[in-house]
């Protein structure tokens, strides 16, 4: 019976070890494809339970770039902007959903109109005879959602050192 027990024991041990090897989860590695290195690596890992996958270092999007055209500042929409006084440190912050150039032209035209309802820019211009930097309007933020743009405008107004509004 010793011989039978010995053979049963050795056969179950072999089948168990084969079963354990077959049930091992394979390892996966992703490496850049470099012809000499990847061939050597694949050769060294062929007896292991490892699967290699490769990716290219030369991507087409690195060679061909699709650059968008730069939008002129006056054509930007949905912005919070700042206009600075040319003669002092006073600033005005506003927001618009229309083109910035359209809104700036409205500010300029409002100064020349004789109305009882004067904007803070008009009052500053008439009271102190100051000019504004119309060609150097700064875009502080771009936001397409109206409520978010209003909040951004409020925050920028609060951050002004010598704000007109």
C-alpha atoms as a PDB file:
ATOM      1  CA  UNK A   1       0.000   0.000   0.000  1.00  0.00           C
ATOM      2  CA  UNK A   2       2.950   2.317   0.479  1.00  0.00           C
ATOM      3  CA  UNK A   3       3.667   2.350  -3.224  1.00  0.00           C
ATOM      4  CA  UNK A   4       0.054   3.139  -4.081  1.00  0.00           C
ATOM      5  CA  UNK A   5      -0.142   5.873  -1.447  1.00  0.00           C
ATOM      6  CA  UNK A   6       3.146   7.328  -2.643  1.00  0.00           C
ATOM      7  CA  UNK A   7       1.965   7.402  -6.281  1.00  0.00           C
ATOM      8  CA  UNK A   8      -1.417   8.905  -5.341  1.00  0.00           C
ATOM      9  CA  UNK A   9       0.269  11.513  -3.212  1.00  0.00           C
ATOM     10  CA  UNK A  10       2.765  12.473  -5.944  1.00  0.00           C
ATOM     11  CA  UNK A  11       0.103  12.581  -8.683  1.00  0.00           C
ATOM     12  CA  UNK A  12      -2.233  14.781  -6.612  1.00  0.00           C
ATOM     13  CA  UNK A  13       0.664  17.077  -5.756  1.00  0.00           C
ATOM     14  CA  UNK A  14       1.581  17.454  -9.460  1.00  0.00           C
ATOM     15  CA  UNK A  15      -1.995  18.069 -10.543  1.00  0.00           C
ATOM     16  CA  UNK A  16      -2.508  20.575  -7.723  1.00  0.00           C
ATOM     17  CA  UNK A  17       0.614  22.520  -8.669  1.00  0.00           C
ATOM     18  CA  UNK A  18      -0.411  22.526 -12.367  1.00  0.00           C
ATOM     19  CA  UNK A  19      -3.879  23.677 -11.350  1.00  0.00           C
ATOM     20  CA  UNK A  20      -2.426  26.460  -9.191  1.00  0.00           C
ATOM     21  CA  UNK A  21      -0.210  27.687 -12.029  1.00  0.00           C
ATOM     22  CA  UNK A  22      -3.098  27.693 -14.494  1.00  0.00           C
ATOM     23  CA  UNK A  23      -5.278  29.689 -12.105  1.00  0.00           C
ATOM     24  CA  UNK A  24      -2.695  32.404 -11.511  1.00  0.00           C
ATOM     25  CA  UNK A  25      -3.959  35.721 -12.773  1.00  0.00           C
ATOM     26  CA  UNK A  26      -1.830  36.999 -15.609  1.00  0.00           C
ATOM     27  CA  UNK A  27       0.095  40.247 -15.228  1.00  0.00           C
ATOM     28  CA  UNK A  28      -0.266  42.984 -17.805  1.00  0.00           C
ATOM     29  CA  UNK A  29       2.313  45.641 -18.544  1.00  0.00           C
ATOM     30  CA  UNK A  30       2.139  48.541 -20.930  1.00  0.00           C
ATOM     31  CA  UNK A  31       5.474  49.821 -22.146  1.00  0.00           C
ATOM     32  CA  UNK A  32       6.563  52.225 -24.874  1.00  0.00           C
ATOM     33  CA  UNK A  33       7.449  50.526 -28.126  1.00  0.00           C
ATOM     34  CA  UNK A  34      11.209  50.694 -28.696  1.00  0.00           C
ATOM     35  CA  UNK A  35      12.204  47.957 -31.174  1.00  0.00           C
ATOM     36  CA  UNK A  36      15.338  46.572 -29.497  1.00  0.00           C
ATOM     37  CA  UNK A  37      14.161  46.976 -25.909  1.00  0.00           C
ATOM     38  CA  UNK A  38      10.665  45.605 -26.349  1.00  0.00           C
ATOM     39  CA  UNK A  39      11.933  42.520 -28.193  1.00  0.00           C
ATOM     40  CA  UNK A  40      14.373  41.754 -25.364  1.00  0.00           C
ATOM     41  CA  UNK A  41      11.710  42.350 -22.744  1.00  0.00           C
ATOM     42  CA  UNK A  42       9.220  40.112 -24.536  1.00  0.00           C
ATOM     43  CA  UNK A  43      11.839  37.361 -24.822  1.00  0.00           C
ATOM     44  CA  UNK A  44      12.718  37.575 -21.102  1.00  0.00           C
ATOM     45  CA  UNK A  45       9.073  37.474 -20.028  1.00  0.00           C
ATOM     46  CA  UNK A  46       7.903  34.667 -22.345  1.00  0.00           C
ATOM     47  CA  UNK A  47       8.033  31.978 -19.604  1.00  0.00           C
ATOM     48  CA  UNK A  48       6.164  34.115 -17.098  1.00  0.00           C
ATOM     49  CA  UNK A  49       2.460  34.686 -16.942  1.00  0.00           C
ATOM     50  CA  UNK A  50       2.883  38.255 -18.204  1.00  0.00           C
ATOM     51  CA  UNK A  51       1.266  39.946 -21.171  1.00  0.00           C
ATOM     52  CA  UNK A  52       2.921  42.990 -22.698  1.00  0.00           C
ATOM     53  CA  UNK A  53       1.157  45.718 -24.586  1.00  0.00           C
ATOM     54  CA  UNK A  54       2.835  48.610 -26.322  1.00  0.00           C
ATOM     55  CA  UNK A  55       2.143  52.240 -27.023  1.00  0.00           C
ATOM     56  CA  UNK A  56       3.805  54.580 -29.461  1.00  0.00           C
ATOM     57  CA  UNK A  57       5.931  57.507 -28.395  1.00  0.00           C
ATOM     58  CA  UNK A  58       5.443  59.238 -31.741  1.00  0.00           C
ATOM     59  CA  UNK A  59       1.875  60.425 -31.729  1.00  0.00           C
ATOM     60  CA  UNK A  60       0.367  62.185 -34.693  1.00  0.00           C
ATOM     61  CA  UNK A  61      -1.129  64.949 -32.532  1.00  0.00           C
ATOM     62  CA  UNK A  62       2.384  65.912 -31.394  1.00  0.00           C
ATOM     63  CA  UNK A  63       3.365  66.474 -35.017  1.00  0.00           C
ATOM     64  CA  UNK A  64       0.170  68.056 -36.318  1.00  0.00           C
ATOM     65  CA  UNK A  65      -1.260  70.752 -34.099  1.00  0.00           C
ATOM     66  CA  UNK A  66      -4.600  72.343 -34.806  1.00  0.00           C
ATOM     67  CA  UNK A  67      -4.271  75.822 -33.428  1.00  0.00           C
ATOM     68  CA  UNK A  68      -7.357  77.907 -33.053  1.00  0.00           C
ATOM     69  CA  UNK A  69      -7.276  81.443 -34.331  1.00  0.00           C
ATOM     70  CA  UNK A  70      -6.768  84.053 -31.645  1.00  0.00           C
ATOM     71  CA  UNK A  71      -9.957  86.015 -31.061  1.00  0.00           C
ATOM     72  CA  UNK A  72      -9.385  89.786 -30.955  1.00  0.00           C
ATOM     73  CA  UNK A  73     -10.055  91.207 -27.502  1.00  0.00           C
ATOM     74  CA  UNK A  74     -12.928  93.382 -28.782  1.00  0.00           C
ATOM     75  CA  UNK A  75     -14.697  90.320 -30.212  1.00  0.00           C
ATOM     76  CA  UNK A  76     -14.801  88.362 -26.940  1.00  0.00           C
ATOM     77  CA  UNK A  77     -18.265  87.716 -25.519  1.00  0.00           C
ATOM     78  CA  UNK A  78     -19.485  86.757 -22.032  1.00  0.00           C
ATOM     79  CA  UNK A  79     -16.698  88.561 -20.200  1.00  0.00           C
ATOM     80  CA  UNK A  80     -16.025  90.502 -17.025  1.00  0.00           C
ATOM     81  CA  UNK A  81     -13.826  93.463 -17.926  1.00  0.00           C
ATOM     82  CA  UNK A  82     -11.932  96.322 -16.276  1.00  0.00           C
ATOM     83  CA  UNK A  83     -11.416  99.849 -17.620  1.00  0.00           C
ATOM     84  CA  UNK A  84      -8.668 101.924 -15.991  1.00  0.00           C
ATOM     85  CA  UNK A  85      -8.497 105.697 -15.727  1.00  0.00           C
ATOM     86  CA  UNK A  86      -5.523 107.152 -17.595  1.00  0.00           C
ATOM     87  CA  UNK A  87      -4.993 109.974 -15.065  1.00  0.00           C
ATOM     88  CA  UNK A  88      -5.490 108.237 -11.702  1.00  0.00           C
ATOM     89  CA  UNK A  89      -5.789 104.739 -10.236  1.00  0.00           C
ATOM     90  CA  UNK A  90      -9.590 104.597 -10.545  1.00  0.00           C
ATOM     91  CA  UNK A  91     -11.021 101.510 -12.247  1.00  0.00           C
ATOM     92  CA  UNK A  92     -14.418 100.373 -13.447  1.00  0.00           C
ATOM     93  CA  UNK A  93     -15.464  96.715 -13.600  1.00  0.00           C
ATOM     94  CA  UNK A  94     -18.363  95.567 -15.751  1.00  0.00           C
ATOM     95  CA  UNK A  95     -19.741  92.508 -17.495  1.00  0.00           C
ATOM     96  CA  UNK A  96     -21.330  91.884 -20.859  1.00  0.00           C
ATOM     97  CA  UNK A  97     -22.750  88.991 -22.835  1.00  0.00           C
ATOM     98  CA  UNK A  98     -22.232  90.888 -26.088  1.00  0.00           C
ATOM     99  CA  UNK A  99     -18.976  91.668 -27.854  1.00  0.00           C
ATOM    100  CA  UNK A 100     -16.636  93.638 -25.610  1.00  0.00           C
ATOM    101  CA  UNK A 101     -15.995  96.214 -28.358  1.00  0.00           C
ATOM    102  CA  UNK A 102     -19.729  96.961 -28.574  1.00  0.00           C
ATOM    103  CA  UNK A 103     -19.964  97.554 -24.817  1.00  0.00           C
ATOM    104  CA  UNK A 104     -16.844  99.771 -24.763  1.00  0.00           C
ATOM    105  CA  UNK A 105     -18.267 101.894 -27.596  1.00  0.00           C
ATOM    106  CA  UNK A 106     -21.465 102.327 -25.569  1.00  0.00           C
ATOM    107  CA  UNK A 107     -19.399 103.620 -22.631  1.00  0.00           C
ATOM    108  CA  UNK A 108     -17.615 106.097 -24.923  1.00  0.00           C
ATOM    109  CA  UNK A 109     -20.856 107.338 -26.512  1.00  0.00           C
ATOM    110  CA  UNK A 110     -22.551 107.724 -23.130  1.00  0.00           C
ATOM    111  CA  UNK A 111     -19.932 110.297 -22.094  1.00  0.00           C
ATOM    112  CA  UNK A 112     -20.793 112.505 -25.095  1.00  0.00           C
ATOM    113  CA  UNK A 113     -24.560 112.340 -24.546  1.00  0.00           C
ATOM    114  CA  UNK A 114     -26.224 114.904 -22.337  1.00  0.00           C
ATOM    115  CA  UNK A 115     -28.497 112.798 -20.149  1.00  0.00           C
ATOM    116  CA  UNK A 116     -29.619 113.138 -16.565  1.00  0.00           C
ATOM    117  CA  UNK A 117     -28.873 109.468 -15.919  1.00  0.00           C
ATOM    118  CA  UNK A 118     -25.066 109.441 -15.903  1.00  0.00           C
ATOM    119  CA  UNK A 119     -22.919 106.350 -15.505  1.00  0.00           C
ATOM    120  CA  UNK A 120     -20.034 106.291 -13.032  1.00  0.00           C
ATOM    121  CA  UNK A 121     -17.586 106.453 -15.942  1.00  0.00           C
ATOM    122  CA  UNK A 122     -19.335 109.547 -17.325  1.00  0.00           C
ATOM    123  CA  UNK A 123     -19.388 111.213 -13.900  1.00  0.00           C
ATOM    124  CA  UNK A 124     -15.681 110.540 -13.359  1.00  0.00           C
ATOM    125  CA  UNK A 125     -14.844 111.889 -16.827  1.00  0.00           C
ATOM    126  CA  UNK A 126     -16.933 115.053 -16.424  1.00  0.00           C
ATOM    127  CA  UNK A 127     -16.075 115.791 -12.768  1.00  0.00           C
ATOM    128  CA  UNK A 128     -12.313 115.286 -13.005  1.00  0.00           C
ATOM    129  CA  UNK A 129     -11.722 115.758 -16.765  1.00  0.00           C
ATOM    130  CA  UNK A 130      -9.946 112.386 -16.849  1.00  0.00           C
ATOM    131  CA  UNK A 131      -9.573 110.048 -19.817  1.00  0.00           C
ATOM    132  CA  UNK A 132      -9.903 106.281 -19.747  1.00  0.00           C
ATOM    133  CA  UNK A 133      -7.606 103.674 -21.304  1.00  0.00           C
ATOM    134  CA  UNK A 134     -10.131 102.568 -23.912  1.00  0.00           C
ATOM    135  CA  UNK A 135      -7.538 100.649 -25.918  1.00  0.00           C
ATOM    136  CA  UNK A 136      -6.244  98.770 -22.867  1.00  0.00           C
ATOM    137  CA  UNK A 137      -9.409  97.200 -21.460  1.00  0.00           C
ATOM    138  CA  UNK A 138      -8.538  94.086 -19.461  1.00  0.00           C
ATOM    139  CA  UNK A 139     -10.605  90.902 -19.549  1.00  0.00           C
ATOM    140  CA  UNK A 140     -10.771  89.585 -15.991  1.00  0.00           C
ATOM    141  CA  UNK A 141     -12.901  86.503 -16.594  1.00  0.00           C
ATOM    142  CA  UNK A 142     -14.840  84.651 -19.285  1.00  0.00           C
ATOM    143  CA  UNK A 143     -18.068  83.005 -18.200  1.00  0.00           C
ATOM    144  CA  UNK A 144     -20.960  82.005 -20.449  1.00  0.00           C
ATOM    145  CA  UNK A 145     -23.461  81.522 -17.603  1.00  0.00           C
ATOM    146  CA  UNK A 146     -25.094  84.826 -16.655  1.00  0.00           C
ATOM    147  CA  UNK A 147     -25.388  84.237 -12.897  1.00  0.00           C
ATOM    148  CA  UNK A 148     -21.803  83.027 -12.603  1.00  0.00           C
ATOM    149  CA  UNK A 149     -20.665  86.064 -14.603  1.00  0.00           C
ATOM    150  CA  UNK A 150     -22.545  88.377 -12.221  1.00  0.00           C
ATOM    151  CA  UNK A 151     -20.899  86.719  -9.216  1.00  0.00           C
ATOM    152  CA  UNK A 152     -17.503  87.036 -10.876  1.00  0.00           C
ATOM    153  CA  UNK A 153     -18.204  90.716 -11.553  1.00  0.00           C
ATOM    154  CA  UNK A 154     -19.159  91.283  -7.900  1.00  0.00           C
ATOM    155  CA  UNK A 155     -15.978  89.593  -6.682  1.00  0.00           C
ATOM    156  CA  UNK A 156     -13.849  91.691  -9.053  1.00  0.00           C
ATOM    157  CA  UNK A 157     -15.625  94.875  -7.934  1.00  0.00           C
ATOM    158  CA  UNK A 158     -14.885  94.049  -4.290  1.00  0.00           C
ATOM    159  CA  UNK A 159     -11.201  93.425  -5.096  1.00  0.00           C
ATOM    160  CA  UNK A 160     -10.737  96.866  -6.688  1.00  0.00           C
ATOM    161  CA  UNK A 161      -8.468  99.267  -4.810  1.00  0.00           C
ATOM    162  CA  UNK A 162     -10.052 102.501  -6.045  1.00  0.00           C
ATOM    163  CA  UNK A 163     -13.185 101.352  -7.831  1.00  0.00           C
ATOM    164  CA  UNK A 164     -15.734 103.614  -9.440  1.00  0.00           C
ATOM    165  CA  UNK A 165     -18.520 101.098  -8.882  1.00  0.00           C
END
